[in-house]
Amino acid sequence: MTAARAIPALLAALALPSCDWMPGKPTLADKWQAPSEITSFTELYNSNCLGCHADGRSIAGSNTLKDPLYLSLLAPEKLREIIAAGINGHSMPAFAKENGGQLTDQQIDILVAGIMEWRDPSKLPAAPIPPYSAPLGDVAAGNAAFAQYCASCHGADGNGGEKAGSVVNPYYLDLVSDQYLRTIAIAGRPELGCPDFAHRVPGRPMSPQEVSDVTAWLVSRRVNEFGQPPQTIPNQP
């Protein structure tokens, strides 16, 4: 090949890598990533959390994670513990690789940081918020508190009323932990129309003790098909 012919051929070869304008060429964003390499909060959340924690979706044992009051109850380290280790005996799985999941420590940190960004102090009730966890209260007092704060929606015995369904159904109570019942007593389920502790009775927020008492009453209603308390499951978040 003569020099005159070699030069155009060389120039054409050098131009080949610059064909990025061609339609259908994948971008760097389209490049496949191993699951352990994903660092996008949105992608991690949609792939691992959205199925149970989607806004407006009623799944026993799960909360909407965009509720400012619910997030105000959780310390970041507690949220991380729940994501990493799951909730024993209930529907929340463990996501940390060390616990049989598929997420790295870095990915769990990304989830925690992203979820905590949904906190909004401006949307919290004015009343003092009861603590996230506390010992169970008095069952009899809980029955009275339930009648005052909850019966108008769930019926006097908790088996359901005109506005809401049963909260003592044995299948429901078998799915949820003691802590979940307490959390709902405080934060409600706003996506389902269930008010929080400060808005069930106008001008009369539930006290921390009343929250503990109602939780104790609900836990006391957890029985098996023979009317006996079921096998104890360790109380988890």
Protein backbone atom coordinates (compact mmCIF):
# COMPACT_ATOMS: atom_id res chain seq x y z
CA MET A 1 0.00 0.00 0.00
CA THR A 2 1.38 3.36 -0.97
CA ALA A 3 1.74 6.17 1.51
CA ALA A 4 -1.00 8.09 -0.28
CA ARG A 5 -3.44 5.26 0.26
CA ALA A 6 -2.29 4.44 3.80
CA ILE A 7 -3.01 7.88 5.19
CA PRO A 8 -6.81 7.85 4.42
CA ALA A 9 -7.08 4.32 5.78
CA LEU A 10 -5.32 5.36 8.99
CA LEU A 11 -7.57 8.37 9.41
CA ALA A 12 -10.66 6.20 8.92
CA ALA A 13 -9.43 3.76 11.58
CA LEU A 14 -8.81 6.57 14.03
CA ALA A 15 -12.32 7.89 13.44
CA LEU A 16 -14.05 4.62 14.37
CA PRO A 17 -14.03 5.19 18.16
CA SER A 18 -15.76 8.54 17.65
CA CYS A 19 -19.02 7.00 16.42
CA ASP A 20 -20.80 7.82 19.70
CA TRP A 21 -23.48 9.66 17.77
CA MET A 22 -24.86 6.45 16.29
CA PRO A 23 -28.38 5.57 17.54
CA GLY A 24 -28.73 2.61 19.90
CA LYS A 25 -25.25 2.88 21.35
CA PRO A 26 -25.44 2.14 25.14
CA THR A 27 -24.38 4.89 27.51
CA LEU A 28 -22.32 4.46 30.66
CA ALA A 29 -25.57 4.64 32.64
CA ASP A 30 -26.77 1.55 30.75
CA LYS A 31 -23.73 -0.47 31.77
CA TRP A 32 -24.60 -3.57 33.79
CA GLN A 33 -23.71 -3.40 37.46
CA ALA A 34 -23.33 -6.26 39.88
CA PRO A 35 -25.96 -5.98 42.65
CA SER A 36 -23.22 -5.32 45.20
CA GLU A 37 -21.99 -2.32 43.18
CA ILE A 38 -25.28 -0.37 43.12
CA THR A 39 -24.98 2.86 45.10
CA SER A 40 -28.11 4.71 43.96
CA PHE A 41 -30.52 5.18 46.87
CA THR A 42 -33.54 5.17 44.55
CA GLU A 43 -32.50 1.94 42.89
CA LEU A 44 -31.69 0.25 46.19
CA TYR A 45 -34.98 1.36 47.75
CA ASN A 46 -37.11 0.38 44.77
CA SER A 47 -35.45 -3.03 44.51
CA ASN A 48 -35.45 -3.96 48.19
CA CYS A 49 -38.04 -1.89 50.11
CA LEU A 50 -40.81 -0.61 47.86
CA GLY A 51 -42.67 -3.90 47.62
CA CYS A 52 -43.73 -3.74 51.28
CA HIS A 53 -43.33 -0.05 52.10
CA ALA A 54 -45.04 1.58 49.14
CA ASP A 55 -47.15 4.60 50.04
CA GLY A 56 -50.82 3.71 50.36
CA ARG A 57 -50.28 -0.03 50.34
CA SER A 58 -51.68 -1.98 53.29
CA ILE A 59 -49.31 -4.74 54.31
CA ALA A 60 -49.54 -6.08 57.84
CA GLY A 61 -46.38 -5.35 59.77
CA SER A 62 -45.08 -2.60 57.49
CA ASN A 63 -45.14 1.17 57.75
CA THR A 64 -44.95 3.84 55.12
CA LEU A 65 -41.41 5.07 55.49
CA LYS A 66 -42.28 8.59 54.36
CA ASP A 67 -44.31 9.31 57.51
CA PRO A 68 -42.47 12.08 59.42
CA LEU A 69 -43.87 10.95 62.76
CA TYR A 70 -42.80 7.35 62.26
CA LEU A 71 -39.32 8.45 61.22
CA SER A 72 -39.08 10.74 64.24
CA LEU A 73 -39.47 7.67 66.46
CA LEU A 74 -36.57 5.81 64.88
CA ALA A 75 -32.94 6.55 65.61
CA PRO A 76 -30.78 5.96 62.52
CA GLU A 77 -28.94 3.14 64.30
CA LYS A 78 -32.26 1.39 65.04
CA LEU A 79 -33.34 1.70 61.41
CA ARG A 80 -30.00 0.26 60.35
CA GLU A 81 -30.40 -2.64 62.77
CA ILE A 82 -33.85 -3.44 61.37
CA ILE A 83 -32.66 -3.35 57.75
CA ALA A 84 -29.55 -5.42 58.46
CA ALA A 85 -31.00 -8.05 60.79
CA GLY A 86 -34.71 -8.07 59.89
CA ILE A 87 -37.40 -8.87 62.45
CA ASN A 88 -37.30 -12.40 63.79
CA GLY A 89 -40.54 -14.30 63.30
CA HIS A 90 -42.17 -11.65 61.13
CA SER A 91 -42.25 -10.55 57.51
CA MET A 92 -39.28 -8.15 57.60
CA PRO A 93 -36.26 -10.05 56.19
CA ALA A 94 -32.61 -9.46 56.95
CA PHE A 95 -30.81 -7.63 54.14
CA ALA A 96 -27.19 -7.66 55.36
CA LYS A 97 -24.96 -10.21 53.64
CA GLU A 98 -23.72 -11.39 57.03
CA ASN A 99 -27.33 -12.30 57.88
CA GLY A 100 -28.12 -14.06 54.63
CA GLY A 101 -29.22 -11.00 52.65
CA GLN A 102 -27.63 -9.43 49.60
CA LEU A 103 -26.74 -5.88 50.65
CA THR A 104 -23.31 -4.67 51.67
CA ASP A 105 -22.71 -2.47 54.70
CA GLN A 106 -22.24 0.50 52.38
CA GLN A 107 -25.57 -0.12 50.66
CA ILE A 108 -27.38 -0.36 54.00
CA ASP A 109 -25.79 2.93 55.05
CA ILE A 110 -27.07 4.49 51.80
CA LEU A 111 -30.60 3.25 52.51
CA VAL A 112 -30.54 4.58 56.07
CA ALA A 113 -29.26 8.00 55.00
CA GLY A 114 -31.79 8.28 52.16
CA ILE A 115 -34.76 7.27 54.30
CA MET A 116 -33.76 9.65 57.08
CA GLU A 117 -33.80 12.52 54.60
CA TRP A 118 -37.61 12.12 54.55
CA ARG A 119 -37.82 13.40 58.12
CA ASP A 120 -39.77 16.65 58.35
CA PRO A 121 -39.95 18.23 61.84
CA SER A 122 -42.44 20.81 60.58
CA LYS A 123 -45.07 18.09 60.18
CA LEU A 124 -44.85 16.63 63.69
CA PRO A 125 -47.66 16.99 66.27
CA ALA A 126 -47.30 19.73 68.85
CA ALA A 127 -47.87 17.23 71.68
CA PRO A 128 -44.85 15.45 73.22
CA ILE A 129 -44.26 12.25 71.27
CA PRO A 130 -44.25 9.02 73.33
CA PRO A 131 -40.99 7.04 73.24
CA TYR A 132 -40.41 4.49 70.52
CA SER A 133 -40.17 1.57 72.94
CA ALA A 134 -41.34 0.95 76.51
CA PRO A 135 -42.52 -1.98 78.64
CA LEU A 136 -46.07 -3.22 78.13
CA GLY A 137 -48.62 -1.45 80.31
CA ASP A 138 -51.76 -2.59 82.12
CA VAL A 139 -54.24 -4.69 80.15
CA ALA A 140 -57.36 -3.46 81.97
CA ALA A 141 -56.31 0.17 81.60
CA GLY A 142 -55.54 -0.58 77.96
CA ASN A 143 -59.08 -1.82 77.42
CA ALA A 144 -60.42 1.49 78.75
CA ALA A 145 -57.96 3.52 76.67
CA PHE A 146 -58.87 1.54 73.56
CA ALA A 147 -62.54 2.35 74.15
CA GLN A 148 -61.71 6.05 74.36
CA TYR A 149 -59.26 6.37 71.47
CA CYS A 150 -59.83 3.49 69.06
CA ALA A 151 -63.31 1.98 69.42
CA SER A 152 -65.01 4.62 67.28
CA CYS A 153 -63.23 3.14 64.25
CA HIS A 154 -62.41 -0.44 65.25
CA GLY A 155 -65.44 -1.31 67.39
CA ALA A 156 -65.69 -1.70 71.14
CA ASP A 157 -64.10 -5.15 71.09
CA GLY A 158 -61.58 -4.35 68.35
CA ASN A 159 -63.25 -6.65 65.83
CA GLY A 160 -64.04 -3.85 63.40
CA GLY A 161 -66.50 -1.03 63.01
CA GLU A 162 -67.99 1.19 60.35
CA LYS A 163 -64.73 3.02 59.64
CA ALA A 164 -62.02 0.37 60.00
CA GLY A 165 -61.46 -3.37 60.28
CA SER A 166 -60.40 -5.67 63.07
CA VAL A 167 -57.18 -5.14 64.99
CA VAL A 168 -57.63 -8.30 67.05
CA ASN A 169 -57.95 -10.80 64.21
CA PRO A 170 -55.63 -13.66 65.23
CA TYR A 171 -54.08 -13.87 61.78
CA TYR A 172 -53.26 -10.16 61.88
CA LEU A 173 -51.84 -10.29 65.40
CA ASP A 174 -49.76 -13.30 64.43
CA LEU A 175 -48.13 -11.28 61.65
CA VAL A 176 -47.12 -8.26 63.73
CA SER A 177 -44.76 -7.76 66.65
CA ASP A 178 -45.49 -6.07 69.98
CA GLN A 179 -43.32 -3.14 68.86
CA TYR A 180 -45.30 -2.76 65.65
CA LEU A 181 -48.54 -2.49 67.65
CA ARG A 182 -46.95 0.17 69.83
CA THR A 183 -45.62 2.03 66.79
CA ILE A 184 -49.09 2.11 65.22
CA ALA A 185 -50.58 3.31 68.51
CA ILE A 186 -48.19 6.28 68.28
CA ALA A 187 -47.80 6.99 64.56
CA GLY A 188 -51.06 5.58 63.22
CA ARG A 189 -51.27 4.60 59.55
CA PRO A 190 -51.80 7.96 57.79
CA GLU A 191 -51.88 6.34 54.36
CA LEU A 192 -54.88 4.28 55.54
CA GLY A 193 -56.64 7.09 57.38
CA CYS A 194 -55.63 5.87 60.85
CA PRO A 195 -54.78 8.97 62.96
CA ASP A 196 -51.75 9.25 65.20
CA PHE A 197 -51.70 9.45 69.00
CA ALA A 198 -52.36 13.20 69.00
CA HIS A 199 -55.38 13.25 66.69
CA ARG A 200 -57.68 10.38 67.68
CA VAL A 201 -59.62 12.48 70.17
CA PRO A 202 -59.62 16.25 69.51
CA GLY A 203 -57.59 18.08 72.13
CA ARG A 204 -56.71 14.88 73.98
CA PRO A 205 -53.46 13.22 72.80
CA MET A 206 -52.69 9.79 74.17
CA SER A 207 -50.20 9.81 77.00
CA PRO A 208 -47.13 7.54 76.94
CA GLN A 209 -48.78 5.36 79.57
CA GLU A 210 -51.98 5.05 77.54
CA VAL A 211 -49.93 3.99 74.53
CA SER A 212 -48.27 1.28 76.64
CA ASP A 213 -51.63 0.18 78.05
CA VAL A 214 -53.34 -0.07 74.65
CA THR A 215 -50.38 -2.06 73.35
CA ALA A 216 -50.65 -4.44 76.30
CA TRP A 217 -54.38 -4.94 75.65
CA LEU A 218 -53.78 -5.71 71.98
CA VAL A 219 -50.99 -8.14 72.83
CA SER A 220 -53.31 -9.88 75.30
CA ARG A 221 -55.71 -10.59 72.45
CA ARG A 222 -53.10 -12.58 70.51
CA VAL A 223 -54.39 -16.15 70.86
CA ASN A 224 -54.23 -19.29 68.74
CA GLU A 225 -57.11 -21.33 67.35
CA PHE A 226 -57.64 -22.89 70.78
CA GLY A 227 -57.98 -19.53 72.52
CA GLN A 228 -54.59 -19.87 74.17
CA PRO A 229 -51.59 -17.52 73.95
CA PRO A 230 -49.43 -18.65 71.02
CA GLN A 231 -45.83 -19.67 71.29
CA THR A 232 -43.87 -16.61 72.32
CA ILE A 233 -41.94 -14.85 69.55
CA PRO A 234 -39.15 -12.57 70.79
CA ASN A 235 -40.32 -9.01 70.70
CA GLN A 236 -38.63 -7.24 67.80
CA PRO A 237 -38.77 -3.70 66.38
